[in-house]
Amino acid sequence: MMSGCAPLIVGGAATTAVVAASQPRGLGGAISDTEIQAQINHFWFQHSTDMHSRLSTNVNQGTVLLTGRAKDPEMRLDAVRLAWQANGVKEIINEIVVDDGSTLTDSARDTWIGTQLRSKLMFDRDVSSINYSIETVNGVVYLMGNARDPAELERVTGHARSLPYVKRVVSYVR
């Protein structure tokens, strides 16, 4: 049964390698960032499954963006402390908010915003959408990645600002 999965696994790995190699950070940088992200997720999961489910990471060239909704200030601090323990972390940007009673509707709206923005970027020929990571928390869109030039970054932030329910756009794009 597993032998039928081998082409899918190999094909998926090859696709990932092609995508990573086409990014400005290259294959080595993408792999290093993936390792950092995996370590942080592991540390969070070991510490608390609640932390792991509430928080997210994005990593670009060793810079780690932390987002999500912590249940209390202690969880927020623990998340940062644990993230610094991952090998290769150069900088941490802490955008974790302490849960303010957000509802399921708020979470669904954040997911909708992220999906709409990814779609807009993917179909904009003047944007290399693969170079961007998007996180949305409480209507705040966090962008991370590498812009090819200032005009591209302006297009990306413009797309984000144009979406309904977006309160603010925070860019950590290089």
C-alpha atoms as a PDB file:
ATOM      1  CA  MET A   1       0.000   0.000   0.000  1.00  0.00           C
ATOM      2  CA  MET A   2       2.819   2.443   0.841  1.00  0.00           C
ATOM      3  CA  SER A   3       4.517   1.781  -2.511  1.00  0.00           C
ATOM      4  CA  GLY A   4       1.651   3.618  -4.193  1.00  0.00           C
ATOM      5  CA  CYS A   5       2.384   6.655  -2.020  1.00  0.00           C
ATOM      6  CA  ALA A   6       6.061   6.880  -2.968  1.00  0.00           C
ATOM      7  CA  PRO A   7       5.479   8.821  -6.216  1.00  0.00           C
ATOM      8  CA  LEU A   8       3.296  11.296  -4.328  1.00  0.00           C
ATOM      9  CA  ILE A   9       5.902  11.806  -1.618  1.00  0.00           C
ATOM     10  CA  VAL A  10       8.765  12.153  -4.107  1.00  0.00           C
ATOM     11  CA  GLY A  11       6.666  14.402  -6.348  1.00  0.00           C
ATOM     12  CA  GLY A  12       5.668  16.568  -3.383  1.00  0.00           C
ATOM     13  CA  ALA A  13       9.280  16.866  -2.248  1.00  0.00           C
ATOM     14  CA  ALA A  14      10.397  17.791  -5.760  1.00  0.00           C
ATOM     15  CA  THR A  15       7.685  20.440  -6.025  1.00  0.00           C
ATOM     16  CA  THR A  16       8.689  21.869  -2.659  1.00  0.00           C
ATOM     17  CA  ALA A  17      12.336  21.994  -3.762  1.00  0.00           C
ATOM     18  CA  VAL A  18      11.464  23.808  -7.014  1.00  0.00           C
ATOM     19  CA  VAL A  19       9.288  26.320  -5.168  1.00  0.00           C
ATOM     20  CA  ALA A  20      11.947  26.919  -2.492  1.00  0.00           C
ATOM     21  CA  ALA A  21      14.734  27.272  -5.040  1.00  0.00           C
ATOM     22  CA  SER A  22      12.748  29.932  -6.905  1.00  0.00           C
ATOM     23  CA  GLN A  23      12.507  32.128  -3.815  1.00  0.00           C
ATOM     24  CA  PRO A  24      15.136  34.832  -3.194  1.00  0.00           C
ATOM     25  CA  ARG A  25      16.434  33.008  -0.109  1.00  0.00           C
ATOM     26  CA  GLY A  26      17.105  29.846  -2.162  1.00  0.00           C
ATOM     27  CA  LEU A  27      16.680  26.196  -1.258  1.00  0.00           C
ATOM     28  CA  GLY A  28      19.159  26.268   1.642  1.00  0.00           C
ATOM     29  CA  GLY A  29      17.454  29.264   3.236  1.00  0.00           C
ATOM     30  CA  ALA A  30      14.005  27.749   2.833  1.00  0.00           C
ATOM     31  CA  ILE A  31      15.148  24.492   4.418  1.00  0.00           C
ATOM     32  CA  SER A  32      16.791  26.334   7.318  1.00  0.00           C
ATOM     33  CA  ASP A  33      13.635  28.393   7.875  1.00  0.00           C
ATOM     34  CA  THR A  34      11.523  25.239   7.770  1.00  0.00           C
ATOM     35  CA  GLU A  35      13.783  23.629  10.377  1.00  0.00           C
ATOM     36  CA  ILE A  36      13.454  26.667  12.648  1.00  0.00           C
ATOM     37  CA  GLN A  37       9.679  26.629  12.285  1.00  0.00           C
ATOM     38  CA  ALA A  38       9.528  22.898  13.019  1.00  0.00           C
ATOM     39  CA  GLN A  39      11.660  23.323  16.153  1.00  0.00           C
ATOM     40  CA  ILE A  40       9.455  26.129  17.473  1.00  0.00           C
ATOM     41  CA  ASN A  41       6.295  24.141  16.794  1.00  0.00           C
ATOM     42  CA  HIS A  42       7.834  21.158  18.587  1.00  0.00           C
ATOM     43  CA  PHE A  43       8.796  23.272  21.618  1.00  0.00           C
ATOM     44  CA  TRP A  44       5.319  24.788  21.774  1.00  0.00           C
ATOM     45  CA  PHE A  45       3.601  21.410  21.439  1.00  0.00           C
ATOM     46  CA  GLN A  46       5.788  19.910  24.173  1.00  0.00           C
ATOM     47  CA  HIS A  47       5.034  22.861  26.440  1.00  0.00           C
ATOM     48  CA  SER A  48       1.289  23.036  25.785  1.00  0.00           C
ATOM     49  CA  THR A  49      -0.999  21.727  23.071  1.00  0.00           C
ATOM     50  CA  ASP A  50      -3.129  24.822  23.718  1.00  0.00           C
ATOM     51  CA  MET A  51      -0.151  27.069  22.847  1.00  0.00           C
ATOM     52  CA  HIS A  52       0.506  25.050  19.707  1.00  0.00           C
ATOM     53  CA  SER A  53      -3.104  25.382  18.554  1.00  0.00           C
ATOM     54  CA  ARG A  54      -3.479  29.098  19.350  1.00  0.00           C
ATOM     55  CA  LEU A  55      -0.224  30.477  17.925  1.00  0.00           C
ATOM     56  CA  SER A  56       1.493  30.540  14.535  1.00  0.00           C
ATOM     57  CA  THR A  57       4.986  31.106  13.203  1.00  0.00           C
ATOM     58  CA  ASN A  58       6.391  32.360   9.942  1.00  0.00           C
ATOM     59  CA  VAL A  59      10.128  32.286   9.360  1.00  0.00           C
ATOM     60  CA  ASN A  60      12.083  34.190   6.729  1.00  0.00           C
ATOM     61  CA  GLN A  61      15.887  34.158   6.732  1.00  0.00           C
ATOM     62  CA  GLY A  62      16.004  33.402  10.456  1.00  0.00           C
ATOM     63  CA  THR A  63      13.541  36.140  11.380  1.00  0.00           C
ATOM     64  CA  VAL A  64      10.558  34.640  13.179  1.00  0.00           C
ATOM     65  CA  LEU A  65       7.124  36.267  13.160  1.00  0.00           C
ATOM     66  CA  LEU A  66       4.922  35.051  16.004  1.00  0.00           C
ATOM     67  CA  THR A  67       1.166  35.624  15.716  1.00  0.00           C
ATOM     68  CA  GLY A  68      -2.025  34.333  17.235  1.00  0.00           C
ATOM     69  CA  ARG A  69      -4.103  34.690  20.379  1.00  0.00           C
ATOM     70  CA  ALA A  70      -2.515  33.729  23.703  1.00  0.00           C
ATOM     71  CA  LYS A  71      -4.913  32.894  26.524  1.00  0.00           C
ATOM     72  CA  ASP A  72      -2.929  35.066  28.967  1.00  0.00           C
ATOM     73  CA  PRO A  73       0.263  37.164  29.195  1.00  0.00           C
ATOM     74  CA  GLU A  74       2.216  34.177  30.577  1.00  0.00           C
ATOM     75  CA  MET A  75       1.506  32.121  27.437  1.00  0.00           C
ATOM     76  CA  ARG A  76       2.687  35.043  25.292  1.00  0.00           C
ATOM     77  CA  LEU A  77       5.985  35.259  27.199  1.00  0.00           C
ATOM     78  CA  ASP A  78       6.501  31.486  27.183  1.00  0.00           C
ATOM     79  CA  ALA A  79       5.951  31.386  23.419  1.00  0.00           C
ATOM     80  CA  VAL A  80       8.714  33.934  22.836  1.00  0.00           C
ATOM     81  CA  ARG A  81      11.071  32.256  25.315  1.00  0.00           C
ATOM     82  CA  LEU A  82      10.589  28.889  23.613  1.00  0.00           C
ATOM     83  CA  ALA A  83      10.977  30.373  20.118  1.00  0.00           C
ATOM     84  CA  TRP A  84      14.405  31.765  21.050  1.00  0.00           C
ATOM     85  CA  GLN A  85      15.528  28.205  21.878  1.00  0.00           C
ATOM     86  CA  ALA A  86      15.307  27.129  18.212  1.00  0.00           C
ATOM     87  CA  ASN A  87      18.651  26.913  16.416  1.00  0.00           C
ATOM     88  CA  GLY A  88      19.178  29.587  13.772  1.00  0.00           C
ATOM     89  CA  VAL A  89      16.794  32.238  15.119  1.00  0.00           C
ATOM     90  CA  LYS A  90      18.229  35.689  14.400  1.00  0.00           C
ATOM     91  CA  GLU A  91      15.275  37.869  15.343  1.00  0.00           C
ATOM     92  CA  ILE A  92      11.786  37.450  16.792  1.00  0.00           C
ATOM     93  CA  ILE A  93       8.905  39.728  15.968  1.00  0.00           C
ATOM     94  CA  ASN A  94       6.238  39.202  18.606  1.00  0.00           C
ATOM     95  CA  GLU A  95       2.760  40.068  17.331  1.00  0.00           C
ATOM     96  CA  ILE A  96       0.949  37.637  19.643  1.00  0.00           C
ATOM     97  CA  VAL A  97      -2.091  39.264  21.212  1.00  0.00           C
ATOM     98  CA  VAL A  98      -3.561  38.272  24.534  1.00  0.00           C
ATOM     99  CA  ASP A  99      -6.997  36.851  23.808  1.00  0.00           C
ATOM    100  CA  ASP A 100      -9.586  39.564  24.034  1.00  0.00           C
ATOM    101  CA  GLY A 101     -12.613  37.300  23.846  1.00  0.00           C
ATOM    102  CA  SER A 102     -12.571  36.883  20.072  1.00  0.00           C
ATOM    103  CA  THR A 103     -15.373  34.728  18.765  1.00  0.00           C
ATOM    104  CA  LEU A 104     -15.539  31.920  16.245  1.00  0.00           C
ATOM    105  CA  THR A 105     -16.901  34.504  13.804  1.00  0.00           C
ATOM    106  CA  ASP A 106     -13.762  36.617  14.312  1.00  0.00           C
ATOM    107  CA  SER A 107     -11.540  33.610  13.586  1.00  0.00           C
ATOM    108  CA  ALA A 108     -13.574  32.736  10.489  1.00  0.00           C
ATOM    109  CA  ARG A 109     -13.325  36.345   9.286  1.00  0.00           C
ATOM    110  CA  ASP A 110      -9.529  36.277   9.748  1.00  0.00           C
ATOM    111  CA  THR A 111      -9.345  33.061   7.721  1.00  0.00           C
ATOM    112  CA  TRP A 112     -11.518  34.617   5.010  1.00  0.00           C
ATOM    113  CA  ILE A 113      -9.258  37.707   4.858  1.00  0.00           C
ATOM    114  CA  GLY A 114      -6.132  35.530   4.484  1.00  0.00           C
ATOM    115  CA  THR A 115      -7.735  33.382   1.791  1.00  0.00           C
ATOM    116  CA  GLN A 116      -8.943  36.406  -0.182  1.00  0.00           C
ATOM    117  CA  LEU A 117      -5.538  38.076  -0.003  1.00  0.00           C
ATOM    118  CA  ARG A 118      -3.680  34.926  -1.088  1.00  0.00           C
ATOM    119  CA  SER A 119      -6.037  34.646  -4.037  1.00  0.00           C
ATOM    120  CA  LYS A 120      -5.529  38.279  -5.063  1.00  0.00           C
ATOM    121  CA  LEU A 121      -1.749  37.898  -4.891  1.00  0.00           C
ATOM    122  CA  MET A 122      -1.754  34.635  -6.819  1.00  0.00           C
ATOM    123  CA  PHE A 123      -3.686  36.141  -9.721  1.00  0.00           C
ATOM    124  CA  ASP A 124      -1.793  39.443  -9.844  1.00  0.00           C
ATOM    125  CA  ARG A 125       0.810  39.073 -12.581  1.00  0.00           C
ATOM    126  CA  ASP A 126       2.885  41.885 -11.087  1.00  0.00           C
ATOM    127  CA  VAL A 127       3.305  40.052  -7.762  1.00  0.00           C
ATOM    128  CA  SER A 128       5.415  36.989  -7.019  1.00  0.00           C
ATOM    129  CA  SER A 129       2.944  35.578  -4.492  1.00  0.00           C
ATOM    130  CA  ILE A 130       5.266  32.758  -3.453  1.00  0.00           C
ATOM    131  CA  ASN A 131       7.516  35.328  -1.743  1.00  0.00           C
ATOM    132  CA  TYR A 132       4.896  36.285   0.861  1.00  0.00           C
ATOM    133  CA  SER A 133       3.521  34.790   4.060  1.00  0.00           C
ATOM    134  CA  ILE A 134       0.242  36.080   5.428  1.00  0.00           C
ATOM    135  CA  GLU A 135      -1.181  35.876   8.939  1.00  0.00           C
ATOM    136  CA  THR A 136      -4.375  37.599  10.044  1.00  0.00           C
ATOM    137  CA  VAL A 137      -5.306  38.135  13.694  1.00  0.00           C
ATOM    138  CA  ASN A 138      -8.319  40.213  14.753  1.00  0.00           C
ATOM    139  CA  GLY A 139      -8.483  41.894  11.339  1.00  0.00           C
ATOM    140  CA  VAL A 140      -4.801  42.843  11.357  1.00  0.00           C
ATOM    141  CA  VAL A 141      -2.917  41.447   8.355  1.00  0.00           C
ATOM    142  CA  TYR A 142       0.755  40.599   8.957  1.00  0.00           C
ATOM    143  CA  LEU A 143       2.902  40.299   5.835  1.00  0.00           C
ATOM    144  CA  MET A 144       6.323  38.695   5.790  1.00  0.00           C
ATOM    145  CA  GLY A 145       8.610  37.844   2.905  1.00  0.00           C
ATOM    146  CA  ASN A 146      10.712  39.375   0.176  1.00  0.00           C
ATOM    147  CA  ALA A 147       9.471  41.956  -2.315  1.00  0.00           C
ATOM    148  CA  ARG A 148      11.170  42.146  -5.687  1.00  0.00           C
ATOM    149  CA  ASP A 149      10.895  45.942  -5.561  1.00  0.00           C
ATOM    150  CA  PRO A 150       8.977  48.744  -3.786  1.00  0.00           C
ATOM    151  CA  ALA A 151       6.245  48.767  -6.435  1.00  0.00           C
ATOM    152  CA  GLU A 152       5.474  45.097  -5.805  1.00  0.00           C
ATOM    153  CA  LEU A 153       5.289  45.680  -2.053  1.00  0.00           C
ATOM    154  CA  GLU A 154       2.915  48.591  -2.626  1.00  0.00           C
ATOM    155  CA  ARG A 155       0.659  46.347  -4.732  1.00  0.00           C
ATOM    156  CA  VAL A 156       0.638  43.670  -2.031  1.00  0.00           C
ATOM    157  CA  THR A 157      -0.192  46.094   0.793  1.00  0.00           C
ATOM    158  CA  GLY A 158      -2.793  47.761  -1.424  1.00  0.00           C
ATOM    159  CA  HIS A 159      -4.511  44.422  -2.009  1.00  0.00           C
ATOM    160  CA  ALA A 160      -4.540  43.794   1.745  1.00  0.00           C
ATOM    161  CA  ARG A 161      -5.931  47.240   2.573  1.00  0.00           C
ATOM    162  CA  SER A 162      -8.690  46.889  -0.013  1.00  0.00           C
ATOM    163  CA  LEU A 163     -10.277  43.865   1.673  1.00  0.00           C
ATOM    164  CA  PRO A 164     -13.352  44.276   3.863  1.00  0.00           C
ATOM    165  CA  TYR A 165     -12.806  43.874   7.626  1.00  0.00           C
ATOM    166  CA  VAL A 166      -9.071  44.626   7.431  1.00  0.00           C
ATOM    167  CA  LYS A 167      -8.290  47.021  10.269  1.00  0.00           C
ATOM    168  CA  ARG A 168      -4.572  47.407   9.676  1.00  0.00           C
ATOM    169  CA  VAL A 169      -1.720  46.002   7.579  1.00  0.00           C
ATOM    170  CA  VAL A 170       1.661  45.364   9.225  1.00  0.00           C
ATOM    171  CA  SER A 171       4.525  44.654   6.854  1.00  0.00           C
ATOM    172  CA  TYR A 172       7.707  42.817   7.750  1.00  0.00           C
ATOM    173  CA  VAL A 173       8.611  42.430   4.086  1.00  0.00           C
ATOM    174  CA  ARG A 174      12.231  42.954   3.085  1.00  0.00           C
END
